[in-house]
Amino acid sequence: QVQLVESGGGLVQPGGSLRLSCAASGNMRSIYYMAWYRQAPGKQRELVASITITSVDSTNSADSVKGRFTISRDNAKNTAYLQMNSLKPEDTAVYSCNALTITNSYWGQGTQVTVSS
């Protein structure tokens, strides 16, 4: 089993920055992939960024956030991060962390990000 807890959301002005954290606990060694998703009201859930955990981590991000958002992880802290810069009102959503093992998909509870002046 894996447990995920997100933090770091909040209210920020357009152009501002936030860093989301996803703290993982449990059977950490079984995780091979982690990702951040977001869902805005009335919209489908969207994959924001992902990291494939290998000897050299591989990352990907959605076109809508390329150059602004960066996914990373700290193996020692069992934590994945999403650094969000140059935030726009359209980035407003609930952001959720996802982790995959060979047998299961795990989700955190989500954290609200609101970009507004």
N, C-alpha and C. Protein backbone atom coordinates (compact mmCIF):
# COMPACT_ATOMS: atom_id res chain seq x y z
N GLN A 1 0.83 -1.20 0.00
CA GLN A 1 0.00 0.00 0.00
C GLN A 1 0.87 1.25 0.00
N VAL A 2 0.35 2.28 -0.64
CA VAL A 2 1.02 3.57 -0.70
C VAL A 2 0.02 4.64 -0.29
N GLN A 3 0.47 5.59 0.51
CA GLN A 3 -0.37 6.73 0.89
C GLN A 3 0.29 7.99 0.35
N LEU A 4 -0.54 8.88 -0.19
CA LEU A 4 -0.06 10.15 -0.76
C LEU A 4 -0.77 11.31 -0.09
N VAL A 5 0.00 12.32 0.31
CA VAL A 5 -0.58 13.51 0.93
C VAL A 5 -0.02 14.74 0.23
N GLU A 6 -0.92 15.51 -0.40
CA GLU A 6 -0.50 16.74 -1.08
C GLU A 6 -0.57 17.93 -0.13
N SER A 7 0.26 18.91 -0.43
CA SER A 7 0.21 20.18 0.31
C SER A 7 0.78 21.28 -0.58
N GLY A 8 0.58 22.52 -0.16
CA GLY A 8 1.19 23.63 -0.87
C GLY A 8 0.24 24.45 -1.71
N GLY A 9 -1.01 24.03 -1.81
CA GLY A 9 -1.95 24.81 -2.59
C GLY A 9 -2.33 26.10 -1.88
N GLY A 10 -3.08 26.94 -2.60
CA GLY A 10 -3.53 28.19 -2.00
C GLY A 10 -3.96 29.18 -3.04
N LEU A 11 -4.09 30.42 -2.60
CA LEU A 11 -4.48 31.52 -3.47
C LEU A 11 -3.23 32.31 -3.85
N VAL A 12 -3.08 32.57 -5.14
CA VAL A 12 -1.92 33.31 -5.62
C VAL A 12 -2.36 34.23 -6.74
N GLN A 13 -1.68 35.35 -6.86
CA GLN A 13 -2.00 36.29 -7.93
C GLN A 13 -1.43 35.82 -9.26
N PRO A 14 -2.04 36.23 -10.35
CA PRO A 14 -1.46 35.90 -11.67
C PRO A 14 -0.01 36.33 -11.75
N GLY A 15 0.81 35.45 -12.33
CA GLY A 15 2.24 35.71 -12.41
C GLY A 15 3.02 35.18 -11.23
N GLY A 16 2.33 34.75 -10.20
CA GLY A 16 2.98 34.25 -9.01
C GLY A 16 3.42 32.80 -9.12
N SER A 17 3.95 32.28 -8.02
CA SER A 17 4.47 30.91 -7.98
C SER A 17 3.95 30.16 -6.76
N LEU A 18 3.87 28.86 -6.93
CA LEU A 18 3.55 27.95 -5.83
C LEU A 18 4.35 26.68 -6.03
N ARG A 19 4.65 26.00 -4.94
CA ARG A 19 5.25 24.68 -5.03
C ARG A 19 4.37 23.68 -4.30
N LEU A 20 3.88 22.71 -5.03
CA LEU A 20 3.09 21.64 -4.44
C LEU A 20 3.99 20.48 -4.04
N SER A 21 3.63 19.85 -2.95
CA SER A 21 4.38 18.68 -2.48
C SER A 21 3.45 17.48 -2.40
N CYS A 22 4.00 16.32 -2.68
CA CYS A 22 3.26 15.06 -2.57
C CYS A 22 4.13 14.11 -1.76
N ALA A 23 3.79 13.97 -0.49
CA ALA A 23 4.56 13.11 0.39
C ALA A 23 4.01 11.69 0.33
N ALA A 24 4.87 10.76 0.04
CA ALA A 24 4.46 9.36 -0.09
C ALA A 24 4.96 8.55 1.10
N SER A 25 4.16 7.59 1.48
CA SER A 25 4.55 6.67 2.55
C SER A 25 4.03 5.29 2.21
N GLY A 26 4.56 4.30 2.88
CA GLY A 26 4.15 2.93 2.59
C GLY A 26 5.21 2.21 1.79
N ASN A 27 4.77 1.40 0.84
CA ASN A 27 5.67 0.58 0.04
C ASN A 27 6.28 1.40 -1.09
N MET A 28 7.23 2.26 -0.73
CA MET A 28 7.80 3.21 -1.67
C MET A 28 8.54 2.55 -2.82
N ARG A 29 9.18 1.43 -2.55
CA ARG A 29 10.05 0.82 -3.55
C ARG A 29 9.26 0.29 -4.74
N SER A 30 7.95 0.15 -4.56
CA SER A 30 7.14 -0.39 -5.66
C SER A 30 6.70 0.69 -6.65
N ILE A 31 6.91 1.96 -6.33
CA ILE A 31 6.45 3.05 -7.20
C ILE A 31 7.42 3.23 -8.35
N TYR A 32 6.90 3.23 -9.58
CA TYR A 32 7.77 3.45 -10.74
C TYR A 32 7.38 4.71 -11.51
N TYR A 33 6.30 5.34 -11.13
CA TYR A 33 5.78 6.50 -11.89
C TYR A 33 4.99 7.36 -10.93
N MET A 34 5.20 8.69 -11.02
CA MET A 34 4.39 9.64 -10.27
C MET A 34 3.97 10.77 -11.18
N ALA A 35 2.82 11.34 -10.90
CA ALA A 35 2.30 12.39 -11.78
C ALA A 35 1.43 13.35 -10.99
N TRP A 36 1.29 14.54 -11.55
CA TRP A 36 0.34 15.53 -11.05
C TRP A 36 -0.76 15.69 -12.09
N TYR A 37 -1.99 15.65 -11.62
CA TYR A 37 -3.17 15.91 -12.44
C TYR A 37 -3.89 17.14 -11.86
N ARG A 38 -4.73 17.72 -12.67
CA ARG A 38 -5.58 18.80 -12.17
C ARG A 38 -6.96 18.69 -12.79
N GLN A 39 -7.92 19.20 -12.05
CA GLN A 39 -9.29 19.22 -12.54
C GLN A 39 -9.94 20.53 -12.13
N ALA A 40 -10.34 21.28 -13.14
CA ALA A 40 -11.05 22.54 -12.91
C ALA A 40 -12.55 22.27 -12.93
N PRO A 41 -13.35 23.12 -12.29
CA PRO A 41 -14.80 22.91 -12.28
C PRO A 41 -15.37 22.79 -13.68
N GLY A 42 -16.15 21.76 -13.91
CA GLY A 42 -16.79 21.56 -15.20
C GLY A 42 -15.88 21.02 -16.29
N LYS A 43 -14.64 20.70 -15.94
CA LYS A 43 -13.70 20.19 -16.94
C LYS A 43 -13.20 18.80 -16.56
N GLN A 44 -12.67 18.11 -17.56
CA GLN A 44 -12.11 16.78 -17.31
C GLN A 44 -10.76 16.89 -16.61
N ARG A 45 -10.42 15.84 -15.91
CA ARG A 45 -9.11 15.80 -15.27
C ARG A 45 -8.02 15.80 -16.34
N GLU A 46 -6.97 16.54 -16.09
CA GLU A 46 -5.90 16.73 -17.06
C GLU A 46 -4.56 16.33 -16.44
N LEU A 47 -3.76 15.59 -17.21
CA LEU A 47 -2.41 15.26 -16.76
C LEU A 47 -1.54 16.51 -16.92
N VAL A 48 -0.92 16.94 -15.84
CA VAL A 48 -0.10 18.15 -15.86
C VAL A 48 1.37 17.80 -16.11
N ALA A 49 1.90 16.88 -15.32
CA ALA A 49 3.31 16.52 -15.44
C ALA A 49 3.52 15.16 -14.82
N SER A 50 4.54 14.46 -15.32
CA SER A 50 4.82 13.11 -14.82
C SER A 50 6.31 12.87 -14.73
N ILE A 51 6.66 11.92 -13.89
CA ILE A 51 8.06 11.53 -13.74
C ILE A 51 8.11 10.01 -13.66
N THR A 52 8.91 9.42 -14.56
CA THR A 52 9.11 7.98 -14.56
C THR A 52 10.40 7.70 -13.81
N ILE A 53 10.29 6.87 -12.79
CA ILE A 53 11.40 6.67 -11.86
C ILE A 53 12.27 5.52 -12.31
N THR A 54 13.45 5.88 -12.80
CA THR A 54 14.43 4.88 -13.23
C THR A 54 15.79 5.33 -12.71
N SER A 55 16.85 4.75 -13.23
CA SER A 55 18.19 5.18 -12.80
C SER A 55 18.41 6.65 -13.18
N VAL A 56 17.80 7.07 -14.27
CA VAL A 56 17.78 8.49 -14.64
C VAL A 56 16.32 8.86 -14.86
N ASP A 57 15.75 9.61 -13.96
CA ASP A 57 14.32 9.95 -14.05
C ASP A 57 13.99 10.65 -15.36
N SER A 58 12.83 10.32 -15.88
CA SER A 58 12.35 10.93 -17.11
C SER A 58 11.08 11.71 -16.81
N THR A 59 11.01 12.95 -17.27
CA THR A 59 9.85 13.79 -16.98
C THR A 59 9.14 14.22 -18.26
N ASN A 60 7.86 14.49 -18.11
CA ASN A 60 7.04 15.03 -19.19
C ASN A 60 6.06 16.03 -18.61
N SER A 61 5.63 16.97 -19.43
CA SER A 61 4.63 17.93 -18.98
C SER A 61 3.70 18.27 -20.11
N ALA A 62 2.52 18.70 -19.74
CA ALA A 62 1.53 19.10 -20.74
C ALA A 62 1.98 20.37 -21.46
N ASP A 63 1.55 20.51 -22.70
CA ASP A 63 1.92 21.70 -23.48
C ASP A 63 1.47 22.97 -22.79
N SER A 64 0.35 22.91 -22.10
CA SER A 64 -0.21 24.11 -21.46
C SER A 64 0.65 24.62 -20.31
N VAL A 65 1.55 23.80 -19.79
CA VAL A 65 2.37 24.23 -18.66
C VAL A 65 3.87 24.18 -18.96
N LYS A 66 4.23 23.77 -20.15
CA LYS A 66 5.66 23.67 -20.51
C LYS A 66 6.34 25.02 -20.34
N GLY A 67 7.50 24.97 -19.72
CA GLY A 67 8.25 26.20 -19.50
C GLY A 67 7.83 26.94 -18.24
N ARG A 68 6.72 26.52 -17.62
CA ARG A 68 6.24 27.18 -16.41
C ARG A 68 6.24 26.24 -15.20
N PHE A 69 5.89 24.98 -15.42
CA PHE A 69 5.80 24.01 -14.33
C PHE A 69 6.92 23.00 -14.46
N THR A 70 7.44 22.57 -13.31
CA THR A 70 8.50 21.56 -13.29
C THR A 70 8.19 20.52 -12.23
N ILE A 71 8.22 19.26 -12.63
CA ILE A 71 8.03 18.17 -11.68
C ILE A 71 9.40 17.64 -11.27
N SER A 72 9.52 17.30 -10.00
CA SER A 72 10.78 16.74 -9.51
C SER A 72 10.47 15.84 -8.31
N ARG A 73 11.48 15.17 -7.82
CA ARG A 73 11.27 14.36 -6.62
C ARG A 73 12.53 14.34 -5.79
N ASP A 74 12.33 14.15 -4.50
CA ASP A 74 13.42 14.00 -3.56
C ASP A 74 13.30 12.59 -2.98
N ASN A 75 14.16 11.70 -3.43
CA ASN A 75 14.07 10.30 -3.03
C ASN A 75 14.24 10.14 -1.53
N ALA A 76 15.14 10.94 -0.95
CA ALA A 76 15.40 10.82 0.49
C ALA A 76 14.19 11.21 1.32
N LYS A 77 13.37 12.13 0.80
CA LYS A 77 12.19 12.58 1.53
C LYS A 77 10.91 11.90 1.05
N ASN A 78 11.04 10.99 0.08
CA ASN A 78 9.86 10.30 -0.47
C ASN A 78 8.79 11.31 -0.89
N THR A 79 9.23 12.36 -1.53
CA THR A 79 8.33 13.45 -1.88
C THR A 79 8.52 13.86 -3.34
N ALA A 80 7.41 14.08 -4.01
CA ALA A 80 7.42 14.65 -5.36
C ALA A 80 6.93 16.08 -5.28
N TYR A 81 7.43 16.90 -6.16
CA TYR A 81 7.09 18.32 -6.14
C TYR A 81 6.57 18.75 -7.51
N LEU A 82 5.78 19.81 -7.49
CA LEU A 82 5.40 20.49 -8.72
C LEU A 82 5.65 21.98 -8.49
N GLN A 83 6.71 22.47 -9.09
CA GLN A 83 7.01 23.90 -9.02
C GLN A 83 6.23 24.60 -10.12
N MET A 84 5.40 25.55 -9.73
CA MET A 84 4.54 26.24 -10.68
C MET A 84 4.89 27.72 -10.69
N ASN A 85 5.37 28.19 -11.82
CA ASN A 85 5.74 29.60 -11.98
C ASN A 85 4.84 30.26 -13.03
N SER A 86 4.84 31.57 -13.03
CA SER A 86 4.06 32.35 -14.00
C SER A 86 2.62 31.85 -14.07
N LEU A 87 2.02 31.69 -12.93
CA LEU A 87 0.68 31.13 -12.86
C LEU A 87 -0.35 32.03 -13.53
N LYS A 88 -1.33 31.38 -14.15
CA LYS A 88 -2.39 32.07 -14.87
C LYS A 88 -3.74 31.69 -14.24
N PRO A 89 -4.75 32.52 -14.43
CA PRO A 89 -6.07 32.18 -13.90
C PRO A 89 -6.56 30.81 -14.38
N GLU A 90 -6.21 30.44 -15.60
CA GLU A 90 -6.66 29.15 -16.12
C GLU A 90 -5.94 27.96 -15.48
N ASP A 91 -4.96 28.21 -14.63
CA ASP A 91 -4.33 27.13 -13.87
C ASP A 91 -5.13 26.78 -12.62
N THR A 92 -6.17 27.54 -12.33
CA THR A 92 -7.00 27.28 -11.17
C THR A 92 -7.65 25.91 -11.28
N ALA A 93 -7.45 25.08 -10.27
CA ALA A 93 -7.96 23.71 -10.29
C ALA A 93 -7.62 23.03 -8.96
N VAL A 94 -8.17 21.85 -8.79
CA VAL A 94 -7.71 20.96 -7.72
C VAL A 94 -6.60 20.10 -8.31
N TYR A 95 -5.45 20.13 -7.67
CA TYR A 95 -4.29 19.38 -8.14
C TYR A 95 -4.13 18.13 -7.29
N SER A 96 -3.98 16.99 -7.97
CA SER A 96 -3.89 15.71 -7.27
C SER A 96 -2.63 14.96 -7.71
N CYS A 97 -2.06 14.26 -6.75
CA CYS A 97 -0.88 13.46 -6.99
C CYS A 97 -1.29 12.01 -7.25
N ASN A 98 -0.61 11.38 -8.19
CA ASN A 98 -0.89 9.98 -8.53
C ASN A 98 0.42 9.19 -8.53
N ALA A 99 0.37 7.97 -8.02
CA ALA A 99 1.54 7.09 -8.04
C ALA A 99 1.12 5.72 -8.55
N LEU A 100 1.96 5.16 -9.39
CA LEU A 100 1.68 3.85 -9.96
C LEU A 100 2.69 2.81 -9.47
N THR A 101 2.15 1.64 -9.13
CA THR A 101 2.97 0.46 -8.97
C THR A 101 2.53 -0.52 -10.05
N ILE A 102 3.14 -1.68 -10.10
CA ILE A 102 2.77 -2.66 -11.12
C ILE A 102 1.31 -3.08 -10.97
N THR A 103 0.82 -3.06 -9.76
CA THR A 103 -0.52 -3.60 -9.51
C THR A 103 -1.57 -2.56 -9.17
N ASN A 104 -1.18 -1.35 -8.78
CA ASN A 104 -2.16 -0.39 -8.29
C ASN A 104 -1.87 1.04 -8.73
N SER A 105 -2.93 1.85 -8.66
CA SER A 105 -2.84 3.29 -8.87
C SER A 105 -3.33 3.96 -7.59
N TYR A 106 -2.54 4.89 -7.07
CA TYR A 106 -2.86 5.55 -5.81
C TYR A 106 -3.03 7.05 -6.05
N TRP A 107 -3.95 7.63 -5.26
CA TRP A 107 -4.23 9.06 -5.39
C TRP A 107 -4.19 9.72 -4.02
N GLY A 108 -3.76 10.98 -4.02
CA GLY A 108 -3.88 11.79 -2.83
C GLY A 108 -5.25 12.44 -2.79
N GLN A 109 -5.45 13.27 -1.77
CA GLN A 109 -6.77 13.87 -1.57
C GLN A 109 -6.97 15.13 -2.41
N GLY A 110 -5.88 15.67 -2.95
CA GLY A 110 -5.97 16.87 -3.77
C GLY A 110 -5.73 18.14 -2.97
N THR A 111 -5.25 19.16 -3.65
CA THR A 111 -5.05 20.46 -3.02
C THR A 111 -5.50 21.54 -4.00
N GLN A 112 -6.22 22.52 -3.48
CA GLN A 112 -6.79 23.56 -4.33
C GLN A 112 -5.76 24.64 -4.64
N VAL A 113 -5.66 24.97 -5.92
CA VAL A 113 -4.85 26.10 -6.36
C VAL A 113 -5.78 27.10 -7.03
N THR A 114 -5.76 28.33 -6.56
CA THR A 114 -6.60 29.38 -7.12
C THR A 114 -5.71 30.54 -7.52
N VAL A 115 -5.78 30.89 -8.80
CA VAL A 115 -5.00 32.01 -9.33
C VAL A 115 -5.96 33.14 -9.65
N SER A 116 -5.86 34.20 -8.86
CA SER A 116 -6.82 35.30 -9.01
C SER A 116 -6.23 36.56 -8.40
N SER A 117 -6.61 37.69 -8.99
CA SER A 117 -6.19 38.97 -8.43
C SER A 117 -7.26 39.50 -7.49
